[in-house]
PDB file of N, CA and C in Angstrom:
ATOM      1  N   MET A   1       0.901  -1.231  -0.050  1.00  0.00           N
ATOM      2  CA  MET A   1       0.026   0.030   0.007  1.00  0.00           C
ATOM      3  C   MET A   1       0.892   1.187  -0.053  1.00  0.00           C
ATOM      4  N   ARG A   2       0.664   2.211  -0.833  1.00  0.00           N
ATOM      5  CA  ARG A   2       1.405   3.426  -0.909  1.00  0.00           C
ATOM      6  C   ARG A   2       0.869   4.499   0.034  1.00  0.00           C
ATOM      7  N   PRO A   3       1.766   5.316   0.605  1.00  0.00           N
ATOM      8  CA  PRO A   3       1.356   6.318   1.466  1.00  0.00           C
ATOM      9  C   PRO A   3       0.326   7.300   0.814  1.00  0.00           C
ATOM     10  N   GLY A   4      -0.742   7.649   1.444  1.00  0.00           N
ATOM     11  CA  GLY A   4      -1.815   8.517   0.865  1.00  0.00           C
ATOM     12  C   GLY A   4      -2.802   7.932   0.069  1.00  0.00           C
ATOM     13  N   GLY A   5      -2.749   6.577  -0.016  1.00  0.00           N
ATOM     14  CA  GLY A   5      -3.721   5.753  -0.682  1.00  0.00           C
ATOM     15  C   GLY A   5      -5.067   5.642   0.115  1.00  0.00           C
ATOM     16  N   PRO A   6      -6.006   4.746  -0.326  1.00  0.00           N
ATOM     17  CA  PRO A   6      -7.092   4.509   0.417  1.00  0.00           C
ATOM     18  C   PRO A   6      -6.868   4.112   1.874  1.00  0.00           C
ATOM     19  N   GLY A   7      -7.518   4.755   2.746  1.00  0.00           N
ATOM     20  CA  GLY A   7      -7.317   4.409   4.176  1.00  0.00           C
ATOM     21  C   GLY A   7      -6.051   4.963   4.836  1.00  0.00           C
ATOM     22  N   GLY A   8      -5.136   5.523   4.026  1.00  0.00           N
ATOM     23  CA  GLY A   8      -3.978   6.069   4.543  1.00  0.00           C
ATOM     24  C   GLY A   8      -4.200   7.491   5.098  1.00  0.00           C
ATOM     25  N   PRO A   9      -3.006   8.110   5.483  1.00  0.00           N
ATOM     26  CA  PRO A   9      -3.102   9.476   6.210  1.00  0.00           C
ATOM     27  C   PRO A   9      -3.935  10.453   5.446  1.00  0.00           C
ATOM     28  N   GLY A  10      -3.931  10.439   4.125  1.00  0.00           N
ATOM     29  CA  GLY A  10      -4.639  11.506   3.306  1.00  0.00           C
ATOM     30  C   GLY A  10      -6.049  11.085   3.085  1.00  0.00           C
ATOM     31  N   MET A  11      -6.420   9.912   3.297  1.00  0.00           N
ATOM     32  CA  MET A  11      -7.789   9.402   3.026  1.00  0.00           C
ATOM     33  C   MET A  11      -8.173   9.798   1.612  1.00  0.00           C
ATOM     34  N   GLN A  12      -7.231   9.474   0.653  1.00  0.00           N
ATOM     35  CA  GLN A  12      -7.594   9.845  -0.797  1.00  0.00           C
ATOM     36  C   GLN A  12      -8.285   8.677  -1.433  1.00  0.00           C
ATOM     37  N   GLY A  13      -9.114   7.994  -0.951  1.00  0.00           N
ATOM     38  CA  GLY A  13      -9.954   6.979  -1.599  1.00  0.00           C
ATOM     39  C   GLY A  13     -11.130   7.709  -2.272  1.00  0.00           C
ATOM     40  N   ASP A  14     -12.198   7.213  -2.048  1.00  0.00           N
ATOM     41  CA  ASP A  14     -13.496   7.783  -2.566  1.00  0.00           C
ATOM     42  C   ASP A  14     -13.685   9.178  -2.004  1.00  0.00           C
ATOM     43  N   PRO A  15     -13.739  10.234  -2.863  1.00  0.00           N
ATOM     44  CA  PRO A  15     -13.868  11.555  -2.336  1.00  0.00           C
ATOM     45  C   PRO A  15     -15.163  11.715  -1.560  1.00  0.00           C
ATOM     46  N   GLY A  16     -16.164  11.072  -1.923  1.00  0.00           N
ATOM     47  CA  GLY A  16     -17.417  11.243  -1.197  1.00  0.00           C
ATOM     48  C   GLY A  16     -17.500  10.612   0.221  1.00  0.00           C
ATOM     49  N   MET A  17     -16.516   9.769   0.586  1.00  0.00           N
ATOM     50  CA  MET A  17     -16.566   9.151   1.838  1.00  0.00           C
ATOM     51  C   MET A  17     -16.331   9.926   2.913  1.00  0.00           C
ATOM     52  N   SER A  18     -15.396  10.922   2.739  1.00  0.00           N
ATOM     53  CA  SER A  18     -14.986  11.784   3.904  1.00  0.00           C
ATOM     54  C   SER A  18     -16.151  12.831   4.156  1.00  0.00           C
ATOM     55  N   GLN A  19     -17.117  12.948   3.312  1.00  0.00           N
ATOM     56  CA  GLN A  19     -18.061  13.947   3.659  1.00  0.00           C
ATOM     57  C   GLN A  19     -19.358  13.378   4.053  1.00  0.00           C
ATOM     58  N   GLN A  20     -19.540  11.988   4.127  1.00  0.00           N
ATOM     59  CA  GLN A  20     -20.700  11.353   4.472  1.00  0.00           C
ATOM     60  C   GLN A  20     -20.634  11.189   6.070  1.00  0.00           C
ATOM     61  N   ARG A  21     -21.752  11.417   6.706  1.00  0.00           N
ATOM     62  CA  ARG A  21     -21.880  11.253   8.143  1.00  0.00           C
ATOM     63  C   ARG A  21     -22.705   9.958   8.498  1.00  0.00           C
ATOM     64  N   PRO A  22     -22.243   9.393   9.578  1.00  0.00           N
ATOM     65  CA  PRO A  22     -23.091   8.097   9.927  1.00  0.00           C
ATOM     66  C   PRO A  22     -24.463   8.573  10.288  1.00  0.00           C
ATOM     67  N   PRO A  23     -25.409   7.632  10.018  1.00  0.00           N
ATOM     68  CA  PRO A  23     -26.762   7.989  10.252  1.00  0.00           C
ATOM     69  C   PRO A  23     -27.036   8.297  11.745  1.00  0.00           C
ATOM     70  N   GLY A  24     -27.864   9.267  12.049  1.00  0.00           N
ATOM     71  CA  GLY A  24     -28.253   9.652  13.405  1.00  0.00           C
ATOM     72  C   GLY A  24     -29.229   8.659  13.919  1.00  0.00           C
ATOM     73  N   PRO A  25     -29.756   9.029  15.246  1.00  0.00           N
ATOM     74  CA  PRO A  25     -30.838   8.205  15.717  1.00  0.00           C
ATOM     75  C   PRO A  25     -32.117   8.532  15.036  1.00  0.00           C
ATOM     76  N   PRO A  26     -33.080   7.603  15.134  1.00  0.00           N
ATOM     77  CA  PRO A  26     -34.314   7.880  14.667  1.00  0.00           C
ATOM     78  C   PRO A  26     -35.010   9.021  15.262  1.00  0.00           C
ATOM     79  N   PRO A  27     -35.765   9.776  14.512  1.00  0.00           N
ATOM     80  CA  PRO A  27     -36.404  11.023  15.063  1.00  0.00           C
ATOM     81  C   PRO A  27     -37.036  10.862  16.403  1.00  0.00           C
ATOM     82  N   ALA A  28     -37.683   9.845  16.816  1.00  0.00           N
ATOM     83  CA  ALA A  28     -38.287   9.704  18.022  1.00  0.00           C
ATOM     84  C   ALA A  28     -37.251   9.550  19.163  1.00  0.00           C
ATOM     85  N   MET A  29     -36.060   9.163  18.857  1.00  0.00           N
ATOM     86  CA  MET A  29     -34.995   9.033  19.896  1.00  0.00           C
ATOM     87  C   MET A  29     -33.989  10.242  19.942  1.00  0.00           C
ATOM     88  N   SER A  30     -34.201  11.213  19.056  1.00  0.00           N
ATOM     89  CA  SER A  30     -33.205  12.237  18.930  1.00  0.00           C
ATOM     90  C   SER A  30     -33.072  13.092  20.220  1.00  0.00           C
ATOM     91  N   GLY A  31     -34.140  12.988  21.140  1.00  0.00           N
ATOM     92  CA  GLY A  31     -33.916  13.824  22.389  1.00  0.00           C
ATOM     93  C   GLY A  31     -33.159  13.001  23.490  1.00  0.00           C
ATOM     94  N   GLY A  32     -32.753  11.810  23.115  1.00  0.00           N
ATOM     95  CA  GLY A  32     -32.023  11.042  24.156  1.00  0.00           C
ATOM     96  C   GLY A  32     -32.843  10.341  25.107  1.00  0.00           C
ATOM     97  N   ARG A  33     -34.228  10.380  24.963  1.00  0.00           N
ATOM     98  CA  ARG A  33     -35.101   9.578  25.776  1.00  0.00           C
ATOM     99  C   ARG A  33     -35.932   8.643  25.034  1.00  0.00           C
ATOM    100  N   PRO A  34     -36.413   7.565  25.541  1.00  0.00           N
ATOM    101  CA  PRO A  34     -37.331   6.740  24.851  1.00  0.00           C
ATOM    102  C   PRO A  34     -38.622   7.400  24.574  1.00  0.00           C
ATOM    103  N   PRO A  35     -39.417   6.998  23.634  1.00  0.00           N
ATOM    104  CA  PRO A  35     -40.742   7.609  23.434  1.00  0.00           C
ATOM    105  C   PRO A  35     -41.652   7.398  24.728  1.00  0.00           C
ATOM    106  N   ALA A  36     -42.500   8.399  24.829  1.00  0.00           N
ATOM    107  CA  ALA A  36     -43.411   8.282  26.039  1.00  0.00           C
ATOM    108  C   ALA A  36     -44.412   7.164  25.797  1.00  0.00           C
ATOM    109  N   PRO A  37     -44.813   6.502  26.964  1.00  0.00           N
ATOM    110  CA  PRO A  37     -45.879   5.522  26.790  1.00  0.00           C
ATOM    111  C   PRO A  37     -47.198   6.206  26.513  1.00  0.00           C
ATOM    112  N   PRO A  38     -48.175   5.312  25.884  1.00  0.00           N
ATOM    113  CA  PRO A  38     -49.467   5.831  25.625  1.00  0.00           C
ATOM    114  C   PRO A  38     -50.186   6.451  26.835  1.00  0.00           C
ATOM    115  N   MET A  39     -51.065   7.374  26.606  1.00  0.00           N
ATOM    116  CA  MET A  39     -51.755   7.987  27.788  1.00  0.00           C
ATOM    117  C   MET A  39     -52.456   6.888  28.666  1.00  0.00           C
ATOM    118  N   GLY A  40     -52.309   7.095  29.914  1.00  0.00           N
ATOM    119  CA  GLY A  40     -52.735   6.069  30.960  1.00  0.00           C
ATOM    120  C   GLY A  40     -51.893   4.860  31.185  1.00  0.00           C
ATOM    121  N   ALA A  41     -50.993   4.648  30.345  1.00  0.00           N
ATOM    122  CA  ALA A  41     -50.185   3.468  30.531  1.00  0.00           C
ATOM    123  C   ALA A  41     -48.943   3.898  31.524  1.00  0.00           C
ATOM    124  N   GLN A  42     -48.495   2.815  32.277  1.00  0.00           N
ATOM    125  CA  GLN A  42     -47.389   3.117  33.239  1.00  0.00           C
ATOM    126  C   GLN A  42     -46.193   2.981  32.487  1.00  0.00           C
ATOM    127  N   SER A  43     -45.173   3.796  32.685  1.00  0.00           N
ATOM    128  CA  SER A  43     -43.863   3.746  32.145  1.00  0.00           C
ATOM    129  C   SER A  43     -43.187   2.449  32.611  1.00  0.00           C
ATOM    130  N   PRO A  44     -42.478   1.715  31.726  1.00  0.00           N
ATOM    131  CA  PRO A  44     -41.732   0.551  32.352  1.00  0.00           C
ATOM    132  C   PRO A  44     -40.470   1.011  33.162  1.00  0.00           C
ATOM    133  N   TYR A  45     -40.154   2.244  33.119  1.00  0.00           N
ATOM    134  CA  TYR A  45     -39.111   2.855  33.982  1.00  0.00           C
ATOM    135  C   TYR A  45     -39.502   3.297  35.282  1.00  0.00           C
ATOM    136  N   ALA A  46     -40.904   3.302  35.590  1.00  0.00           N
ATOM    137  CA  ALA A  46     -41.404   3.819  36.752  1.00  0.00           C
ATOM    138  C   ALA A  46     -40.995   2.852  37.906  1.00  0.00           C
ATOM    139  N   PRO A  47     -40.804   3.458  39.146  1.00  0.00           N
ATOM    140  CA  PRO A  47     -40.518   2.542  40.165  1.00  0.00           C
ATOM    141  C   PRO A  47     -41.659   1.649  40.534  1.00  0.00           C
ATOM    142  N   GLN A  48     -41.474   0.529  40.901  1.00  0.00           N
ATOM    143  CA  GLN A  48     -42.525  -0.530  41.392  1.00  0.00           C
ATOM    144  C   GLN A  48     -42.639  -0.405  42.777  1.00  0.00           C
ATOM    145  N   LYS A  49     -43.877  -0.686  43.274  1.00  0.00           N
ATOM    146  CA  LYS A  49     -44.174  -0.809  44.657  1.00  0.00           C
ATOM    147  C   LYS A  49     -44.989  -2.099  44.933  1.00  0.00           C
ATOM    148  N   TRP A  50     -44.552  -2.758  45.872  1.00  0.00           N
ATOM    149  CA  TRP A  50     -45.296  -4.044  46.263  1.00  0.00           C
ATOM    150  C   TRP A  50     -45.620  -4.115  47.720  1.00  0.00           C
ATOM    151  N   SER A  51     -46.607  -4.880  48.087  1.00  0.00           N
ATOM    152  CA  SER A  51     -47.051  -4.955  49.464  1.00  0.00           C
ATOM    153  C   SER A  51     -46.975  -6.286  50.052  1.00  0.00           C
ATOM    154  N   LYS A  52     -47.221  -6.427  51.332  1.00  0.00           N
ATOM    155  CA  LYS A  52     -47.336  -7.740  51.903  1.00  0.00           C
ATOM    156  C   LYS A  52     -48.234  -8.679  51.288  1.00  0.00           C
ATOM    157  N   GLY A  53     -47.795  -9.889  50.991  1.00  0.00           N
ATOM    158  CA  GLY A  53     -48.564 -10.761  50.357  1.00  0.00           C
ATOM    159  C   GLY A  53     -48.460 -10.868  48.814  1.00  0.00           C
ATOM    160  N   ASP A  54     -47.875  -9.761  48.270  1.00  0.00           N
ATOM    161  CA  ASP A  54     -47.622  -9.841  46.879  1.00  0.00           C
ATOM    162  C   ASP A  54     -46.499 -10.741  46.475  1.00  0.00           C
ATOM    163  N   LYS A  55     -46.373 -11.079  45.234  1.00  0.00           N
ATOM    164  CA  LYS A  55     -45.277 -11.914  44.747  1.00  0.00           C
ATOM    165  C   LYS A  55     -44.388 -11.060  44.070  1.00  0.00           C
ATOM    166  N   LEU A  56     -43.070 -11.036  44.614  1.00  0.00           N
ATOM    167  CA  LEU A  56     -41.997 -10.245  43.972  1.00  0.00           C
ATOM    168  C   LEU A  56     -41.697 -10.766  42.612  1.00  0.00           C
ATOM    169  N   PRO A  57     -41.610 -10.057  41.492  1.00  0.00           N
ATOM    170  CA  PRO A  57     -41.432 -10.574  40.299  1.00  0.00           C
ATOM    171  C   PRO A  57     -39.961 -11.332  40.193  1.00  0.00           C
ATOM    172  N   THR A  58     -39.994 -12.355  39.281  1.00  0.00           N
ATOM    173  CA  THR A  58     -38.852 -13.143  39.195  1.00  0.00           C
ATOM    174  C   THR A  58     -37.501 -12.377  38.989  1.00  0.00           C
ATOM    175  N   GLU A  59     -37.639 -11.342  38.216  1.00  0.00           N
ATOM    176  CA  GLU A  59     -36.410 -10.636  37.908  1.00  0.00           C
ATOM    177  C   GLU A  59     -35.657  -9.890  39.146  1.00  0.00           C
ATOM    178  N   PHE A  60     -36.490  -9.735  40.188  1.00  0.00           N
ATOM    179  CA  PHE A  60     -35.926  -9.161  41.495  1.00  0.00           C
ATOM    180  C   PHE A  60     -35.567 -10.190  42.457  1.00  0.00           C
ATOM    181  N   ARG A  61     -35.644 -11.452  42.113  1.00  0.00           N
ATOM    182  CA  ARG A  61     -35.228 -12.573  43.033  1.00  0.00           C
ATOM    183  C   ARG A  61     -33.855 -12.952  42.882  1.00  0.00           C
ATOM    184  N   ASP A  62     -33.164 -12.351  41.831  1.00  0.00           N
ATOM    185  CA  ASP A  62     -31.730 -12.722  41.633  1.00  0.00           C
ATOM    186  C   ASP A  62     -30.869 -12.353  42.803  1.00  0.00           C
ATOM    187  N   ARG A  63     -29.770 -13.000  42.910  1.00  0.00           N
ATOM    188  CA  ARG A  63     -28.823 -12.854  44.020  1.00  0.00           C
ATOM    189  C   ARG A  63     -28.375 -11.259  44.161  1.00  0.00           C
ATOM    190  N   GLN A  64     -28.280 -10.596  43.029  1.00  0.00           N
ATOM    191  CA  GLN A  64     -27.823  -9.203  43.128  1.00  0.00           C
ATOM    192  C   GLN A  64     -28.714  -8.325  43.950  1.00  0.00           C
ATOM    193  N   TYR A  65     -29.978  -8.713  44.187  1.00  0.00           N
ATOM    194  CA  TYR A  65     -30.877  -7.974  44.977  1.00  0.00           C
ATOM    195  C   TYR A  65     -30.904  -8.293  46.491  1.00  0.00           C
ATOM    196  N   VAL A  66     -30.328  -9.445  46.751  1.00  0.00           N
ATOM    197  CA  VAL A  66     -30.348  -9.950  48.180  1.00  0.00           C
ATOM    198  C   VAL A  66     -29.512  -9.118  49.094  1.00  0.00           C
ATOM    199  N   ILE A  67     -29.985  -8.856  50.244  1.00  0.00           N
ATOM    200  CA  ILE A  67     -29.338  -8.004  51.341  1.00  0.00           C
ATOM    201  C   ILE A  67     -28.885  -8.986  52.408  1.00  0.00           C
ATOM    202  N   ASP A  68     -27.669  -9.209  52.486  1.00  0.00           N
ATOM    203  CA  ASP A  68     -27.114 -10.163  53.476  1.00  0.00           C
ATOM    204  C   ASP A  68     -26.799  -9.344  54.838  1.00  0.00           C
ATOM    205  N   ASN A  69     -26.364  -8.140  54.727  1.00  0.00           N
ATOM    206  CA  ASN A  69     -25.952  -7.275  55.753  1.00  0.00           C
ATOM    207  C   ASN A  69     -27.088  -6.437  56.234  1.00  0.00           C
ATOM    208  N   TYR A  70     -28.209  -6.935  56.539  1.00  0.00           N
ATOM    209  CA  TYR A  70     -29.448  -6.201  56.840  1.00  0.00           C
ATOM    210  C   TYR A  70     -29.280  -5.177  57.982  1.00  0.00           C
ATOM    211  N   LYS A  71     -28.438  -5.482  58.961  1.00  0.00           N
ATOM    212  CA  LYS A  71     -28.328  -4.546  60.104  1.00  0.00           C
ATOM    213  C   LYS A  71     -27.683  -3.202  59.597  1.00  0.00           C
ATOM    214  N   GLN A  72     -26.970  -3.232  58.562  1.00  0.00           N
ATOM    215  CA  GLN A  72     -26.390  -2.034  58.071  1.00  0.00           C
ATOM    216  C   GLN A  72     -27.502  -1.135  57.360  1.00  0.00           C
ATOM    217  N   TYR A  73     -28.638  -1.727  57.127  1.00  0.00           N
ATOM    218  CA  TYR A  73     -29.788  -0.986  56.597  1.00  0.00           C
ATOM    219  C   TYR A  73     -30.881  -0.792  57.583  1.00  0.00           C
ATOM    220  N   ASP A  74     -30.661  -1.049  58.850  1.00  0.00           N
ATOM    221  CA  ASP A  74     -31.572  -0.909  59.952  1.00  0.00           C
ATOM    222  C   ASP A  74     -32.785  -1.817  59.729  1.00  0.00           C
ATOM    223  N   LEU A  75     -32.518  -3.004  59.206  1.00  0.00           N
ATOM    224  CA  LEU A  75     -33.587  -3.986  59.045  1.00  0.00           C
ATOM    225  C   LEU A  75     -33.447  -5.104  60.087  1.00  0.00           C
ATOM    226  N   PRO A  76     -34.560  -5.540  60.589  1.00  0.00           N
ATOM    227  CA  PRO A  76     -34.553  -6.677  61.556  1.00  0.00           C
ATOM    228  C   PRO A  76     -33.986  -7.944  60.911  1.00  0.00           C
ATOM    229  N   ALA A  77     -33.629  -8.822  61.732  1.00  0.00           N
ATOM    230  CA  ALA A  77     -33.197 -10.233  61.202  1.00  0.00           C
ATOM    231  C   ALA A  77     -34.294 -10.878  60.420  1.00  0.00           C
ATOM    232  N   PRO A  78     -34.058 -11.399  59.257  1.00  0.00           N
ATOM    233  CA  PRO A  78     -35.321 -12.037  58.590  1.00  0.00           C
ATOM    234  C   PRO A  78     -35.698 -13.236  59.292  1.00  0.00           C
ATOM    235  N   ARG A  79     -36.927 -13.615  59.096  1.00  0.00           N
ATOM    236  CA  ARG A  79     -37.537 -14.829  59.724  1.00  0.00           C
ATOM    237  C   ARG A  79     -36.880 -16.093  59.077  1.00  0.00           C
ATOM    238  N   LYS A  80     -36.998 -17.150  59.618  1.00  0.00           N
ATOM    239  CA  LYS A  80     -36.320 -18.411  59.072  1.00  0.00           C
ATOM    240  C   LYS A  80     -37.021 -18.650  57.760  1.00  0.00           C
ATOM    241  N   GLY A  81     -36.164 -19.014  56.843  1.00  0.00           N
ATOM    242  CA  GLY A  81     -36.668 -19.247  55.455  1.00  0.00           C
ATOM    243  C   GLY A  81     -36.959 -18.025  54.526  1.00  0.00           C
ATOM    244  N   HIS A  82     -36.654 -16.827  55.085  1.00  0.00           N
ATOM    245  CA  HIS A  82     -36.815 -15.521  54.363  1.00  0.00           C
ATOM    246  C   HIS A  82     -35.590 -14.885  54.193  1.00  0.00           C
ATOM    247  N   HIS A  83     -35.447 -13.822  53.393  1.00  0.00           N
ATOM    248  CA  HIS A  83     -34.390 -12.952  53.216  1.00  0.00           C
ATOM    249  C   HIS A  83     -34.804 -11.591  52.813  1.00  0.00           C
ATOM    250  N   TRP A  84     -33.884 -10.585  52.966  1.00  0.00           N
ATOM    251  CA  TRP A  84     -34.253  -9.278  52.498  1.00  0.00           C
ATOM    252  C   TRP A  84     -33.764  -9.043  51.113  1.00  0.00           C
ATOM    253  N   VAL A  85     -34.522  -8.232  50.422  1.00  0.00           N
ATOM    254  CA  VAL A  85     -34.283  -7.942  49.028  1.00  0.00           C
ATOM    255  C   VAL A  85     -34.412  -6.467  48.841  1.00  0.00           C
ATOM    256  N   GLY A  86     -33.435  -5.777  48.159  1.00  0.00           N
ATOM    257  CA  GLY A  86     -33.528  -4.334  47.979  1.00  0.00           C
ATOM    258  C   GLY A  86     -33.908  -4.036  46.510  1.00  0.00           C
ATOM    259  N   VAL A  87     -34.924  -3.296  46.310  1.00  0.00           N
ATOM    260  CA  VAL A  87     -35.442  -2.818  45.006  1.00  0.00           C
ATOM    261  C   VAL A  87     -35.455  -1.330  44.953  1.00  0.00           C
ATOM    262  N   GLY A  88     -34.602  -0.671  44.338  1.00  0.00           N
ATOM    263  CA  GLY A  88     -34.704   0.765  44.416  1.00  0.00           C
ATOM    264  C   GLY A  88     -34.367   1.332  45.875  1.00  0.00           C
ATOM    265  N   ALA A  89     -35.191   2.105  46.424  1.00  0.00           N
ATOM    266  CA  ALA A  89     -34.981   2.553  47.680  1.00  0.00           C
ATOM    267  C   ALA A  89     -35.929   1.794  48.765  1.00  0.00           C
ATOM    268  N   ASP A  90     -36.436   0.654  48.272  1.00  0.00           N
ATOM    269  CA  ASP A  90     -37.349  -0.181  49.082  1.00  0.00           C
ATOM    270  C   ASP A  90     -36.642  -1.524  49.510  1.00  0.00           C
ATOM    271  N   TYR A  91     -37.217  -2.038  50.672  1.00  0.00           N
ATOM    272  CA  TYR A  91     -36.654  -3.263  51.099  1.00  0.00           C
ATOM    273  C   TYR A  91     -37.798  -4.240  51.345  1.00  0.00           C
ATOM    274  N   TYR A  92     -37.735  -5.509  50.916  1.00  0.00           N
ATOM    275  CA  TYR A  92     -38.859  -6.493  51.008  1.00  0.00           C
ATOM    276  C   TYR A  92     -38.167  -7.737  51.722  1.00  0.00           C
ATOM    277  N   GLN A  93     -38.926  -8.268  52.737  1.00  0.00           N
ATOM    278  CA  GLN A  93     -38.594  -9.511  53.296  1.00  0.00           C
ATOM    279  C   GLN A  93     -39.380 -10.507  52.508  1.00  0.00           C
ATOM    280  N   VAL A  94     -38.720 -11.493  51.954  1.00  0.00           N
ATOM    281  CA  VAL A  94     -39.450 -12.429  51.083  1.00  0.00           C
ATOM    282  C   VAL A  94     -39.124 -13.916  51.392  1.00  0.00           C
ATOM    283  N   SER A  95     -40.104 -14.671  51.163  1.00  0.00           N
ATOM    284  CA  SER A  95     -39.857 -16.058  51.358  1.00  0.00           C
ATOM    285  C   SER A  95     -39.155 -16.759  50.062  1.00  0.00           C
ATOM    286  N   SER A  96     -38.757 -17.993  50.160  1.00  0.00           N
ATOM    287  CA  SER A  96     -37.982 -18.626  49.136  1.00  0.00           C
ATOM    288  C   SER A  96     -38.850 -18.647  47.749  1.00  0.00           C
ATOM    289  N   ASN A  97     -40.162 -18.546  47.893  1.00  0.00           N
ATOM    290  CA  ASN A  97     -40.906 -18.588  46.742  1.00  0.00           C
ATOM    291  C   ASN A  97     -41.349 -17.267  46.161  1.00  0.00           C
ATOM    292  N   GLY A  98     -40.799 -16.222  46.848  1.00  0.00           N
ATOM    293  CA  GLY A  98     -40.957 -14.766  46.339  1.00  0.00           C
ATOM    294  C   GLY A  98     -42.176 -14.052  46.954  1.00  0.00           C
ATOM    295  N   THR A  99     -42.866 -14.619  47.861  1.00  0.00           N
ATOM    296  CA  THR A  99     -44.023 -14.053  48.454  1.00  0.00           C
ATOM    297  C   THR A  99     -43.439 -12.948  49.456  1.00  0.00           C
ATOM    298  N   ILE A 100     -43.919 -11.690  49.476  1.00  0.00           N
ATOM    299  CA  ILE A 100     -43.453 -10.642  50.386  1.00  0.00           C
ATOM    300  C   ILE A 100     -44.107 -10.845  51.652  1.00  0.00           C
ATOM    301  N   PHE A 101     -43.231 -10.981  52.755  1.00  0.00           N
ATOM    302  CA  PHE A 101     -43.685 -11.199  54.145  1.00  0.00           C
ATOM    303  C   PHE A 101     -43.818  -9.790  54.830  1.00  0.00           C
ATOM    304  N   SER A 102     -42.857  -8.763  54.530  1.00  0.00           N
ATOM    305  CA  SER A 102     -42.936  -7.572  55.072  1.00  0.00           C
ATOM    306  C   SER A 102     -42.203  -6.588  54.230  1.00  0.00           C
ATOM    307  N   VAL A 103     -42.540  -5.294  54.462  1.00  0.00           N
ATOM    308  CA  VAL A 103     -41.813  -4.165  53.707  1.00  0.00           C
ATOM    309  C   VAL A 103     -40.985  -3.500  54.758  1.00  0.00           C
ATOM    310  N   GLY A 104     -39.687  -3.243  54.487  1.00  0.00           N
ATOM    311  CA  GLY A 104     -38.774  -2.640  55.374  1.00  0.00           C
ATOM    312  C   GLY A 104     -39.033  -1.124  55.712  1.00  0.00           C
ATOM    313  N   PRO A 105     -38.407  -0.585  56.680  1.00  0.00           N
ATOM    314  CA  PRO A 105     -38.609   0.705  57.024  1.00  0.00           C
ATOM    315  C   PRO A 105     -38.346   1.697  55.878  1.00  0.00           C
ATOM    316  N   GLN A 106     -39.097   2.809  55.715  1.00  0.00           N
ATOM    317  CA  GLN A 106     -38.982   3.763  54.671  1.00  0.00           C
ATOM    318  C   GLN A 106     -38.059   4.845  55.074  1.00  0.00           C
TER     319      GLN A 106
END
């Protein structure tokens, strides 16, 4: 390859290549945010809240959400067969099948 050839320091290949820009985001995404949900629909990014007796969704039962050092969060020791899970700013004491036994202090 000779200096100044295609792809070289001078980029002297196709003259149109240096002036083309990569395509931008689609118009709906140009603001940097996903499109708004339809009226009345809850955004998938909205924080979720659950209560005692609810079933914690499977995606929040993963090990990354389990709180082993509950005292550091001012939470009481979990009941036998239960453990604490942190989701956002909320804490849930759940059984092994994902049923919420209690909601931690706010």
